[in-house]
Full PDB file with SEQRES, HELIX, SHEET, SSBOND, CRYST1, ORIGX, SCALE, CONECT and MASTER records, all heavy atoms in Angstrom:
SEQRES   1 A   36  GLU PRO GLU ASP THR ALA VAL TYR TYR CYS ALA ALA ASP          
SEQRES   2 A   36  ARG PHE PRO ARG LEU ARG SER CYS SER GLY PHE TYR ARG          
SEQRES   3 A   36  LEU TYR ASP TYR TRP GLY GLN GLY ALA GLN                      
HELIX    1 AA1 PRO A    2  ASP A    4  5                                   3    
HELIX    2 AA2 TYR A   25  LEU A   27  5                                   3    
SHEET    1 AA1 2 ALA A  11  ALA A  12  0                                        
SHEET    2 AA1 2 TYR A  30  TRP A  31 -1                                        
CRYST1    1.000    1.000    1.000  90.00  90.00  90.00 P 1           1          
ORIGX1      1.000000  0.000000  0.000000        0.00000                         
ORIGX2      0.000000  1.000000  0.000000        0.00000                         
ORIGX3      0.000000  0.000000  1.000000        0.00000                         
SCALE1      1.000000  0.000000  0.000000        0.00000                         
SCALE2      0.000000  1.000000  0.000000        0.00000                         
SCALE3      0.000000  0.000000  1.000000        0.00000                         
ATOM      1  N   GLU A   1     -47.924 -12.399  73.927  1.00  0.00           N  
ATOM      2  CA  GLU A   1     -47.008 -13.485  74.264  1.00  0.00           C  
ATOM      3  C   GLU A   1     -46.933 -13.604  75.787  1.00  0.00           C  
ATOM      4  O   GLU A   1     -47.204 -12.622  76.502  1.00  0.00           O  
ATOM      5  CB  GLU A   1     -45.616 -13.168  73.700  1.00  0.00           C  
ATOM      6  CG  GLU A   1     -45.605 -12.899  72.216  1.00  0.00           C  
ATOM      7  CD  GLU A   1     -44.312 -12.225  71.759  1.00  0.00           C  
ATOM      8  OE1 GLU A   1     -43.502 -11.841  72.634  1.00  0.00           O  
ATOM      9  OE2 GLU A   1     -44.129 -12.082  70.531  1.00  0.00           O  
ATOM     10  N   PRO A   2     -46.551 -14.763  76.294  1.00  0.00           N  
ATOM     11  CA  PRO A   2     -46.412 -14.893  77.753  1.00  0.00           C  
ATOM     12  C   PRO A   2     -45.491 -13.826  78.360  1.00  0.00           C  
ATOM     13  O   PRO A   2     -45.706 -13.404  79.503  1.00  0.00           O  
ATOM     14  CB  PRO A   2     -45.836 -16.291  77.915  1.00  0.00           C  
ATOM     15  CG  PRO A   2     -46.362 -17.036  76.736  1.00  0.00           C  
ATOM     16  CD  PRO A   2     -46.367 -16.040  75.607  1.00  0.00           C  
ATOM     17  N   GLU A   3     -44.506 -13.381  77.586  1.00  0.00           N  
ATOM     18  CA  GLU A   3     -43.584 -12.357  78.074  1.00  0.00           C  
ATOM     19  C   GLU A   3     -44.260 -10.999  78.255  1.00  0.00           C  
ATOM     20  O   GLU A   3     -43.685 -10.092  78.876  1.00  0.00           O  
ATOM     21  CB  GLU A   3     -42.408 -12.204  77.117  1.00  0.00           C  
ATOM     22  CG  GLU A   3     -41.478 -13.409  77.047  1.00  0.00           C  
ATOM     23  CD  GLU A   3     -42.065 -14.594  76.312  1.00  0.00           C  
ATOM     24  OE1 GLU A   3     -42.990 -14.389  75.487  1.00  0.00           O  
ATOM     25  OE2 GLU A   3     -41.628 -15.733  76.573  1.00  0.00           O  
ATOM     26  N   ASP A   4     -45.451 -10.845  77.738  1.00  0.00           N  
ATOM     27  CA  ASP A   4     -46.202  -9.602  77.930  1.00  0.00           C  
ATOM     28  C   ASP A   4     -46.949  -9.580  79.264  1.00  0.00           C  
ATOM     29  O   ASP A   4     -47.562  -8.564  79.607  1.00  0.00           O  
ATOM     30  CB  ASP A   4     -47.205  -9.412  76.789  1.00  0.00           C  
ATOM     31  CG  ASP A   4     -46.537  -9.212  75.451  1.00  0.00           C  
ATOM     32  OD1 ASP A   4     -45.568  -8.425  75.382  1.00  0.00           O  
ATOM     33  OD2 ASP A   4     -46.988  -9.841  74.463  1.00  0.00           O  
ATOM     34  N   THR A   5     -46.910 -10.661  79.986  1.00  0.00           N  
ATOM     35  CA  THR A   5     -47.556 -10.703  81.295  1.00  0.00           C  
ATOM     36  C   THR A   5     -46.909  -9.693  82.229  1.00  0.00           C  
ATOM     37  O   THR A   5     -45.690  -9.707  82.424  1.00  0.00           O  
ATOM     38  CB  THR A   5     -47.447 -12.112  81.897  1.00  0.00           C  
ATOM     39  OG1 THR A   5     -48.183 -13.024  81.078  1.00  0.00           O  
ATOM     40  CG2 THR A   5     -48.004 -12.144  83.316  1.00  0.00           C  
ATOM     41  N   ALA A   6     -47.735  -8.818  82.783  1.00  0.00           N  
ATOM     42  CA  ALA A   6     -47.238  -7.741  83.635  1.00  0.00           C  
ATOM     43  C   ALA A   6     -48.413  -6.952  84.189  1.00  0.00           C  
ATOM     44  O   ALA A   6     -49.561  -7.148  83.773  1.00  0.00           O  
ATOM     45  CB  ALA A   6     -46.315  -6.815  82.846  1.00  0.00           C  
ATOM     46  N   VAL A   7     -48.104  -6.052  85.090  1.00  0.00           N  
ATOM     47  CA  VAL A   7     -49.063  -5.027  85.487  1.00  0.00           C  
ATOM     48  C   VAL A   7     -48.848  -3.834  84.569  1.00  0.00           C  
ATOM     49  O   VAL A   7     -47.720  -3.346  84.427  1.00  0.00           O  
ATOM     50  CB  VAL A   7     -48.886  -4.616  86.957  1.00  0.00           C  
ATOM     51  CG1 VAL A   7     -49.868  -3.501  87.307  1.00  0.00           C  
ATOM     52  CG2 VAL A   7     -49.092  -5.817  87.878  1.00  0.00           C  
ATOM     53  N   TYR A   8     -49.914  -3.396  83.947  1.00  0.00           N  
ATOM     54  CA  TYR A   8     -49.848  -2.295  82.989  1.00  0.00           C  
ATOM     55  C   TYR A   8     -50.356  -1.021  83.660  1.00  0.00           C  
ATOM     56  O   TYR A   8     -51.460  -0.994  84.217  1.00  0.00           O  
ATOM     57  CB  TYR A   8     -50.674  -2.623  81.753  1.00  0.00           C  
ATOM     58  CG  TYR A   8     -49.987  -3.602  80.856  1.00  0.00           C  
ATOM     59  CD1 TYR A   8     -49.800  -4.929  81.249  1.00  0.00           C  
ATOM     60  CD2 TYR A   8     -49.486  -3.212  79.618  1.00  0.00           C  
ATOM     61  CE1 TYR A   8     -49.131  -5.829  80.436  1.00  0.00           C  
ATOM     62  CE2 TYR A   8     -48.826  -4.110  78.796  1.00  0.00           C  
ATOM     63  CZ  TYR A   8     -48.653  -5.409  79.215  1.00  0.00           C  
ATOM     64  OH  TYR A   8     -47.989  -6.301  78.405  1.00  0.00           O  
ATOM     65  N   TYR A   9     -49.527   0.018  83.580  1.00  0.00           N  
ATOM     66  CA  TYR A   9     -49.839   1.290  84.225  1.00  0.00           C  
ATOM     67  C   TYR A   9     -50.060   2.385  83.193  1.00  0.00           C  
ATOM     68  O   TYR A   9     -49.350   2.472  82.188  1.00  0.00           O  
ATOM     69  CB  TYR A   9     -48.688   1.722  85.138  1.00  0.00           C  
ATOM     70  CG  TYR A   9     -48.439   0.816  86.308  1.00  0.00           C  
ATOM     71  CD1 TYR A   9     -47.498  -0.200  86.222  1.00  0.00           C  
ATOM     72  CD2 TYR A   9     -49.137   0.984  87.504  1.00  0.00           C  
ATOM     73  CE1 TYR A   9     -47.256  -1.042  87.307  1.00  0.00           C  
ATOM     74  CE2 TYR A   9     -48.899   0.150  88.582  1.00  0.00           C  
ATOM     75  CZ  TYR A   9     -47.960  -0.857  88.478  1.00  0.00           C  
ATOM     76  OH  TYR A   9     -47.721  -1.675  89.542  1.00  0.00           O  
ATOM     77  N   CYS A  10     -51.019   3.220  83.496  1.00  0.00           N  
ATOM     78  CA  CYS A  10     -51.282   4.416  82.711  1.00  0.00           C  
ATOM     79  C   CYS A  10     -50.797   5.609  83.520  1.00  0.00           C  
ATOM     80  O   CYS A  10     -50.944   5.635  84.751  1.00  0.00           O  
ATOM     81  CB  CYS A  10     -52.796   4.493  82.469  1.00  0.00           C  
ATOM     82  SG  CYS A  10     -53.325   5.915  81.557  1.00  0.00           S  
ATOM     83  N   ALA A  11     -50.220   6.587  82.849  1.00  0.00           N  
ATOM     84  CA  ALA A  11     -49.682   7.742  83.556  1.00  0.00           C  
ATOM     85  C   ALA A  11     -49.879   8.997  82.728  1.00  0.00           C  
ATOM     86  O   ALA A  11     -49.773   8.959  81.491  1.00  0.00           O  
ATOM     87  CB  ALA A  11     -48.200   7.537  83.839  1.00  0.00           C  
ATOM     88  N   ALA A  12     -50.129  10.106  83.412  1.00  0.00           N  
ATOM     89  CA  ALA A  12     -50.365  11.385  82.754  1.00  0.00           C  
ATOM     90  C   ALA A  12     -49.194  12.338  82.977  1.00  0.00           C  
ATOM     91  O   ALA A  12     -48.665  12.457  84.086  1.00  0.00           O  
ATOM     92  CB  ALA A  12     -51.656  12.014  83.285  1.00  0.00           C  
ATOM     93  N   ASP A  13     -48.815  12.998  81.907  1.00  0.00           N  
ATOM     94  CA  ASP A  13     -47.768  14.018  81.921  1.00  0.00           C  
ATOM     95  C   ASP A  13     -48.448  15.361  81.693  1.00  0.00           C  
ATOM     96  O   ASP A  13     -49.116  15.544  80.674  1.00  0.00           O  
ATOM     97  CB  ASP A  13     -46.758  13.712  80.807  1.00  0.00           C  
ATOM     98  CG  ASP A  13     -45.722  14.803  80.624  1.00  0.00           C  
ATOM     99  OD1 ASP A  13     -45.634  15.717  81.473  1.00  0.00           O  
ATOM    100  OD2 ASP A  13     -44.984  14.737  79.629  1.00  0.00           O  
ATOM    101  N   ARG A  14     -48.275  16.308  82.585  1.00  0.00           N  
ATOM    102  CA  ARG A  14     -48.972  17.582  82.478  1.00  0.00           C  
ATOM    103  C   ARG A  14     -48.536  18.406  81.272  1.00  0.00           C  
ATOM    104  O   ARG A  14     -49.194  19.369  80.904  1.00  0.00           O  
ATOM    105  CB  ARG A  14     -48.806  18.396  83.759  1.00  0.00           C  
ATOM    106  CG  ARG A  14     -49.636  17.873  84.918  1.00  0.00           C  
ATOM    107  CD  ARG A  14     -49.412  18.681  86.164  1.00  0.00           C  
ATOM    108  NE  ARG A  14     -48.063  18.499  86.667  1.00  0.00           N  
ATOM    109  CZ  ARG A  14     -47.608  19.069  87.782  1.00  0.00           C  
ATOM    110  NH1 ARG A  14     -48.400  19.869  88.467  1.00  0.00           N  
ATOM    111  NH2 ARG A  14     -46.382  18.846  88.188  1.00  0.00           N  
ATOM    112  N   PHE A  15     -47.445  18.036  80.638  1.00  0.00           N  
ATOM    113  CA  PHE A  15     -47.039  18.690  79.396  1.00  0.00           C  
ATOM    114  C   PHE A  15     -47.784  18.021  78.255  1.00  0.00           C  
ATOM    115  O   PHE A  15     -47.735  16.805  78.119  1.00  0.00           O  
ATOM    116  CB  PHE A  15     -45.532  18.563  79.201  1.00  0.00           C  
ATOM    117  CG  PHE A  15     -44.988  19.447  78.124  1.00  0.00           C  
ATOM    118  CD1 PHE A  15     -44.819  20.799  78.351  1.00  0.00           C  
ATOM    119  CD2 PHE A  15     -44.648  18.930  76.889  1.00  0.00           C  
ATOM    120  CE1 PHE A  15     -44.319  21.624  77.365  1.00  0.00           C  
ATOM    121  CE2 PHE A  15     -44.143  19.743  75.895  1.00  0.00           C  
ATOM    122  CZ  PHE A  15     -43.983  21.090  76.129  1.00  0.00           C  
ATOM    123  N   PRO A  16     -48.501  18.775  77.408  1.00  0.00           N  
ATOM    124  CA  PRO A  16     -49.413  18.139  76.446  1.00  0.00           C  
ATOM    125  C   PRO A  16     -48.768  17.530  75.213  1.00  0.00           C  
ATOM    126  O   PRO A  16     -49.405  16.722  74.529  1.00  0.00           O  
ATOM    127  CB  PRO A  16     -50.339  19.288  76.056  1.00  0.00           C  
ATOM    128  CG  PRO A  16     -49.510  20.518  76.238  1.00  0.00           C  
ATOM    129  CD  PRO A  16     -48.648  20.246  77.427  1.00  0.00           C  
ATOM    130  N   ARG A  17     -47.534  17.906  74.927  1.00  0.00           N  
ATOM    131  CA  ARG A  17     -46.879  17.364  73.726  1.00  0.00           C  
ATOM    132  C   ARG A  17     -45.837  16.325  74.114  1.00  0.00           C  
ATOM    133  O   ARG A  17     -45.300  16.343  75.222  1.00  0.00           O  
ATOM    134  CB  ARG A  17     -46.244  18.504  72.934  1.00  0.00           C  
ATOM    135  CG  ARG A  17     -47.256  19.494  72.380  1.00  0.00           C  
ATOM    136  CD  ARG A  17     -46.596  20.537  71.477  1.00  0.00           C  
ATOM    137  NE  ARG A  17     -45.673  21.387  72.208  1.00  0.00           N  
ATOM    138  CZ  ARG A  17     -46.038  22.471  72.889  1.00  0.00           C  
ATOM    139  NH1 ARG A  17     -47.300  22.806  72.961  1.00  0.00           N  
ATOM    140  NH2 ARG A  17     -45.135  23.198  73.502  1.00  0.00           N  
ATOM    141  N   LEU A  18     -45.548  15.436  73.177  1.00  0.00           N  
ATOM    142  CA  LEU A  18     -44.526  14.437  73.427  1.00  0.00           C  
ATOM    143  C   LEU A  18     -43.141  15.073  73.323  1.00  0.00           C  
ATOM    144  O   LEU A  18     -42.923  16.011  72.561  1.00  0.00           O  
ATOM    145  CB  LEU A  18     -44.645  13.285  72.435  1.00  0.00           C  
ATOM    146  CG  LEU A  18     -45.944  12.495  72.475  1.00  0.00           C  
ATOM    147  CD1 LEU A  18     -45.837  11.269  71.568  1.00  0.00           C  
ATOM    148  CD2 LEU A  18     -46.309  12.089  73.888  1.00  0.00           C  
ATOM    149  N   ARG A  19     -42.250  14.526  74.086  1.00  0.00           N  
ATOM    150  CA  ARG A  19     -40.869  14.996  74.091  1.00  0.00           C  
ATOM    151  C   ARG A  19     -39.948  13.810  73.884  1.00  0.00           C  
ATOM    152  O   ARG A  19     -40.376  12.657  73.965  1.00  0.00           O  
ATOM    153  CB  ARG A  19     -40.566  15.678  75.435  1.00  0.00           C  
ATOM    154  CG  ARG A  19     -41.401  16.920  75.677  1.00  0.00           C  
ATOM    155  CD  ARG A  19     -41.254  17.430  77.082  1.00  0.00           C  
ATOM    156  NE  ARG A  19     -42.156  16.773  78.009  1.00  0.00           N  
ATOM    157  CZ  ARG A  19     -42.237  17.089  79.291  1.00  0.00           C  
ATOM    158  NH1 ARG A  19     -41.436  17.998  79.807  1.00  0.00           N  
ATOM    159  NH2 ARG A  19     -43.092  16.462  80.074  1.00  0.00           N  
ATOM    160  N   SER A  20     -38.693  14.088  73.661  1.00  0.00           N  
ATOM    161  CA  SER A  20     -37.729  13.005  73.448  1.00  0.00           C  
ATOM    162  C   SER A  20     -37.617  12.115  74.674  1.00  0.00           C  
ATOM    163  O   SER A  20     -37.238  10.958  74.585  1.00  0.00           O  
ATOM    164  CB  SER A  20     -36.359  13.575  73.085  1.00  0.00           C  
ATOM    165  OG  SER A  20     -35.897  14.426  74.126  1.00  0.00           O  
ATOM    166  N   CYS A  21     -37.968  12.660  75.839  1.00  0.00           N  
ATOM    167  CA  CYS A  21     -37.881  11.893  77.082  1.00  0.00           C  
ATOM    168  C   CYS A  21     -39.211  11.284  77.487  1.00  0.00           C  
ATOM    169  O   CYS A  21     -39.354  10.815  78.625  1.00  0.00           O  
ATOM    170  CB  CYS A  21     -37.350  12.775  78.200  1.00  0.00           C  
ATOM    171  SG  CYS A  21     -38.282  14.290  78.434  1.00  0.00           S  
ATOM    172  N   SER A  22     -40.190  11.254  76.604  1.00  0.00           N  
ATOM    173  CA  SER A  22     -41.520  10.760  76.968  1.00  0.00           C  
ATOM    174  C   SER A  22     -41.541   9.286  77.313  1.00  0.00           C  
ATOM    175  O   SER A  22     -42.539   8.774  77.790  1.00  0.00           O  
ATOM    176  CB  SER A  22     -42.519  11.052  75.838  1.00  0.00           C  
ATOM    177  OG  SER A  22     -42.800  12.434  75.771  1.00  0.00           O  
ATOM    178  N   GLY A  23     -40.457   8.583  77.051  1.00  0.00           N  
ATOM    179  CA  GLY A  23     -40.377   7.176  77.417  1.00  0.00           C  
ATOM    180  C   GLY A  23     -39.856   6.940  78.820  1.00  0.00           C  
ATOM    181  O   GLY A  23     -39.808   5.793  79.273  1.00  0.00           O  
ATOM    182  N   PHE A  24     -39.492   7.980  79.544  1.00  0.00           N  
ATOM    183  CA  PHE A  24     -38.953   7.845  80.891  1.00  0.00           C  
ATOM    184  C   PHE A  24     -40.079   7.988  81.913  1.00  0.00           C  
ATOM    185  O   PHE A  24     -40.759   8.998  81.968  1.00  0.00           O  
ATOM    186  CB  PHE A  24     -37.868   8.877  81.146  1.00  0.00           C  
ATOM    187  CG  PHE A  24     -36.631   8.645  80.342  1.00  0.00           C  
ATOM    188  CD1 PHE A  24     -36.434   9.298  79.140  1.00  0.00           C  
ATOM    189  CD2 PHE A  24     -35.668   7.759  80.773  1.00  0.00           C  
ATOM    190  CE1 PHE A  24     -35.298   9.070  78.382  1.00  0.00           C  
ATOM    191  CE2 PHE A  24     -34.518   7.534  80.024  1.00  0.00           C  
ATOM    192  CZ  PHE A  24     -34.336   8.190  78.828  1.00  0.00           C  
ATOM    193  N   TYR A  25     -40.232   6.975  82.740  1.00  0.00           N  
ATOM    194  CA  TYR A  25     -41.380   6.977  83.645  1.00  0.00           C  
ATOM    195  C   TYR A  25     -41.324   8.123  84.653  1.00  0.00           C  
ATOM    196  O   TYR A  25     -42.364   8.586  85.118  1.00  0.00           O  
ATOM    197  CB  TYR A  25     -41.504   5.633  84.360  1.00  0.00           C  
ATOM    198  CG  TYR A  25     -40.463   5.346  85.406  1.00  0.00           C  
ATOM    199  CD1 TYR A  25     -40.668   5.708  86.735  1.00  0.00           C  
ATOM    200  CD2 TYR A  25     -39.278   4.683  85.089  1.00  0.00           C  
ATOM    201  CE1 TYR A  25     -39.730   5.431  87.702  1.00  0.00           C  
ATOM    202  CE2 TYR A  25     -38.339   4.415  86.049  1.00  0.00           C  
ATOM    203  CZ  TYR A  25     -38.556   4.786  87.358  1.00  0.00           C  
ATOM    204  OH  TYR A  25     -37.617   4.524  88.312  1.00  0.00           O  
ATOM    205  N   ARG A  26     -40.135   8.611  84.968  1.00  0.00           N  
ATOM    206  CA  ARG A  26     -40.038   9.685  85.959  1.00  0.00           C  
ATOM    207  C   ARG A  26     -40.621  11.001  85.442  1.00  0.00           C  
ATOM    208  O   ARG A  26     -40.849  11.935  86.198  1.00  0.00           O  
ATOM    209  CB  ARG A  26     -38.587   9.886  86.382  1.00  0.00           C  
ATOM    210  CG  ARG A  26     -38.013   8.721  87.164  1.00  0.00           C  
ATOM    211  CD  ARG A  26     -36.626   9.042  87.685  1.00  0.00           C  
ATOM    212  NE  ARG A  26     -36.010   7.897  88.333  1.00  0.00           N  
ATOM    213  CZ  ARG A  26     -36.211   7.566  89.595  1.00  0.00           C  
ATOM    214  NH1 ARG A  26     -37.010   8.298  90.352  1.00  0.00           N  
ATOM    215  NH2 ARG A  26     -35.618   6.514  90.102  1.00  0.00           N  
ATOM    216  N   LEU A  27     -40.877  11.076  84.144  1.00  0.00           N  
ATOM    217  CA  LEU A  27     -41.425  12.287  83.558  1.00  0.00           C  
ATOM    218  C   LEU A  27     -42.884  12.500  83.962  1.00  0.00           C  
ATOM    219  O   LEU A  27     -43.377  13.619  83.986  1.00  0.00           O  
ATOM    220  CB  LEU A  27     -41.334  12.194  82.035  1.00  0.00           C  
ATOM    221  CG  LEU A  27     -41.831  13.376  81.225  1.00  0.00           C  
ATOM    222  CD1 LEU A  27     -40.874  14.538  81.358  1.00  0.00           C  
ATOM    223  CD2 LEU A  27     -42.005  12.987  79.761  1.00  0.00           C  
ATOM    224  N   TYR A  28     -43.564  11.420  84.284  1.00  0.00           N  
ATOM    225  CA  TYR A  28     -45.011  11.455  84.450  1.00  0.00           C  
ATOM    226  C   TYR A  28     -45.406  11.843  85.872  1.00  0.00           C  
ATOM    227  O   TYR A  28     -44.782  11.434  86.846  1.00  0.00           O  
ATOM    228  CB  TYR A  28     -45.607  10.106  84.048  1.00  0.00           C  
ATOM    229  CG  TYR A  28     -45.441   9.875  82.569  1.00  0.00           C  
ATOM    230  CD1 TYR A  28     -44.226   9.440  82.043  1.00  0.00           C  
ATOM    231  CD2 TYR A  28     -46.473  10.143  81.685  1.00  0.00           C  
ATOM    232  CE1 TYR A  28     -44.054   9.266  80.682  1.00  0.00           C  
ATOM    233  CE2 TYR A  28     -46.310   9.966  80.323  1.00  0.00           C  
ATOM    234  CZ  TYR A  28     -45.092   9.536  79.833  1.00  0.00           C  
ATOM    235  OH  TYR A  28     -44.931   9.377  78.476  1.00  0.00           O  
ATOM    236  N   ASP A  29     -46.498  12.604  85.928  1.00  0.00           N  
ATOM    237  CA  ASP A  29     -46.891  13.210  87.192  1.00  0.00           C  
ATOM    238  C   ASP A  29     -47.926  12.401  87.965  1.00  0.00           C  
ATOM    239  O   ASP A  29     -47.944  12.434  89.193  1.00  0.00           O  
ATOM    240  CB  ASP A  29     -47.450  14.607  86.920  1.00  0.00           C  
ATOM    241  CG  ASP A  29     -46.474  15.485  86.181  1.00  0.00           C  
ATOM    242  OD1 ASP A  29     -45.457  15.846  86.782  1.00  0.00           O  
ATOM    243  OD2 ASP A  29     -46.720  15.792  84.991  1.00  0.00           O  
ATOM    244  N   TYR A  30     -48.797  11.738  87.250  1.00  0.00           N  
ATOM    245  CA  TYR A  30     -49.902  11.021  87.892  1.00  0.00           C  
ATOM    246  C   TYR A  30     -49.990   9.605  87.334  1.00  0.00           C  
ATOM    247  O   TYR A  30     -49.909   9.408  86.120  1.00  0.00           O  
ATOM    248  CB  TYR A  30     -51.225  11.749  87.656  1.00  0.00           C  
ATOM    249  CG  TYR A  30     -51.192  13.204  88.051  1.00  0.00           C  
ATOM    250  CD1 TYR A  30     -51.087  14.200  87.089  1.00  0.00           C  
ATOM    251  CD2 TYR A  30     -51.243  13.574  89.391  1.00  0.00           C  
ATOM    252  CE1 TYR A  30     -51.050  15.535  87.448  1.00  0.00           C  
ATOM    253  CE2 TYR A  30     -51.199  14.909  89.758  1.00  0.00           C  
ATOM    254  CZ  TYR A  30     -51.105  15.883  88.786  1.00  0.00           C  
ATOM    255  OH  TYR A  30     -51.062  17.201  89.152  1.00  0.00           O  
ATOM    256  N   TRP A  31     -50.230   8.671  88.242  1.00  0.00           N  
ATOM    257  CA  TRP A  31     -50.240   7.255  87.875  1.00  0.00           C  
ATOM    258  C   TRP A  31     -51.521   6.577  88.335  1.00  0.00           C  
ATOM    259  O   TRP A  31     -52.086   6.911  89.377  1.00  0.00           O  
ATOM    260  CB  TRP A  31     -49.044   6.551  88.528  1.00  0.00           C  
ATOM    261  CG  TRP A  31     -47.750   6.933  87.922  1.00  0.00           C  
ATOM    262  CD1 TRP A  31     -47.012   8.045  88.183  1.00  0.00           C  
ATOM    263  CD2 TRP A  31     -47.037   6.213  86.912  1.00  0.00           C  
ATOM    264  NE1 TRP A  31     -45.883   8.068  87.408  1.00  0.00           N  
ATOM    265  CE2 TRP A  31     -45.857   6.956  86.620  1.00  0.00           C  
ATOM    266  CE3 TRP A  31     -47.246   5.017  86.234  1.00  0.00           C  
ATOM    267  CZ2 TRP A  31     -44.921   6.530  85.680  1.00  0.00           C  
ATOM    268  CZ3 TRP A  31     -46.315   4.607  85.301  1.00  0.00           C  
ATOM    269  CH2 TRP A  31     -45.174   5.356  85.032  1.00  0.00           C  
ATOM    270  N   GLY A  32     -51.943   5.609  87.524  1.00  0.00           N  
ATOM    271  CA  GLY A  32     -53.037   4.757  87.938  1.00  0.00           C  
ATOM    272  C   GLY A  32     -52.549   3.620  88.814  1.00  0.00           C  
ATOM    273  O   GLY A  32     -51.344   3.484  89.053  1.00  0.00           O  
ATOM    274  N   GLN A  33     -53.483   2.814  89.259  1.00  0.00           N  
ATOM    275  CA  GLN A  33     -53.156   1.703  90.159  1.00  0.00           C  
ATOM    276  C   GLN A  33     -52.642   0.480  89.412  1.00  0.00           C  
ATOM    277  O   GLN A  33     -52.054  -0.417  90.020  1.00  0.00           O  
ATOM    278  CB  GLN A  33     -54.397   1.316  90.969  1.00  0.00           C  
ATOM    279  CG  GLN A  33     -54.838   2.385  91.949  1.00  0.00           C  
ATOM    280  CD  GLN A  33     -53.770   2.678  92.981  1.00  0.00           C  
ATOM    281  OE1 GLN A  33     -53.254   1.786  93.638  1.00  0.00           O  
ATOM    282  NE2 GLN A  33     -53.399   3.945  93.118  1.00  0.00           N  
ATOM    283  N   GLY A  34     -52.843   0.444  88.134  1.00  0.00           N  
ATOM    284  CA  GLY A  34     -52.351  -0.678  87.347  1.00  0.00           C  
ATOM    285  C   GLY A  34     -53.428  -1.694  87.029  1.00  0.00           C  
ATOM    286  O   GLY A  34     -54.393  -1.861  87.783  1.00  0.00           O  
ATOM    287  N   ALA A  35     -53.254  -2.369  85.910  1.00  0.00           N  
ATOM    288  CA  ALA A  35     -54.168  -3.427  85.478  1.00  0.00           C  
ATOM    289  C   ALA A  35     -53.344  -4.659  85.142  1.00  0.00           C  
ATOM    290  O   ALA A  35     -52.398  -4.581  84.348  1.00  0.00           O  
ATOM    291  CB  ALA A  35     -54.972  -2.987  84.259  1.00  0.00           C  
ATOM    292  N   GLN A  36     -53.715  -5.779  85.732  1.00  0.00           N  
ATOM    293  CA  GLN A  36     -52.961  -7.012  85.498  1.00  0.00           C  
ATOM    294  C   GLN A  36     -53.352  -7.607  84.150  1.00  0.00           C  
ATOM    295  O   GLN A  36     -54.539  -7.781  83.843  1.00  0.00           O  
ATOM    296  CB  GLN A  36     -53.256  -8.032  86.596  1.00  0.00           C  
ATOM    297  CG  GLN A  36     -52.599  -9.377  86.397  1.00  0.00           C  
ATOM    298  CD  GLN A  36     -51.085  -9.321  86.544  1.00  0.00           C  
ATOM    299  OE1 GLN A  36     -50.571  -8.740  87.502  1.00  0.00           O  
ATOM    300  NE2 GLN A  36     -50.352  -9.925  85.599  1.00  0.00           N  
TER     301      GLN A  36                                                      
MASTER        0    0    0    2    2    0    0    6  300    1    0    3          
END                                                                             
């Protein structure tokens, strides 16, 4: 949908399992430059 227009970022969390806070961007350690 047009509302999906954004820069999409990929990020890596050094902890290998998902956690209840895995939706918080501050959890992630490394980020890509983004894809429009």
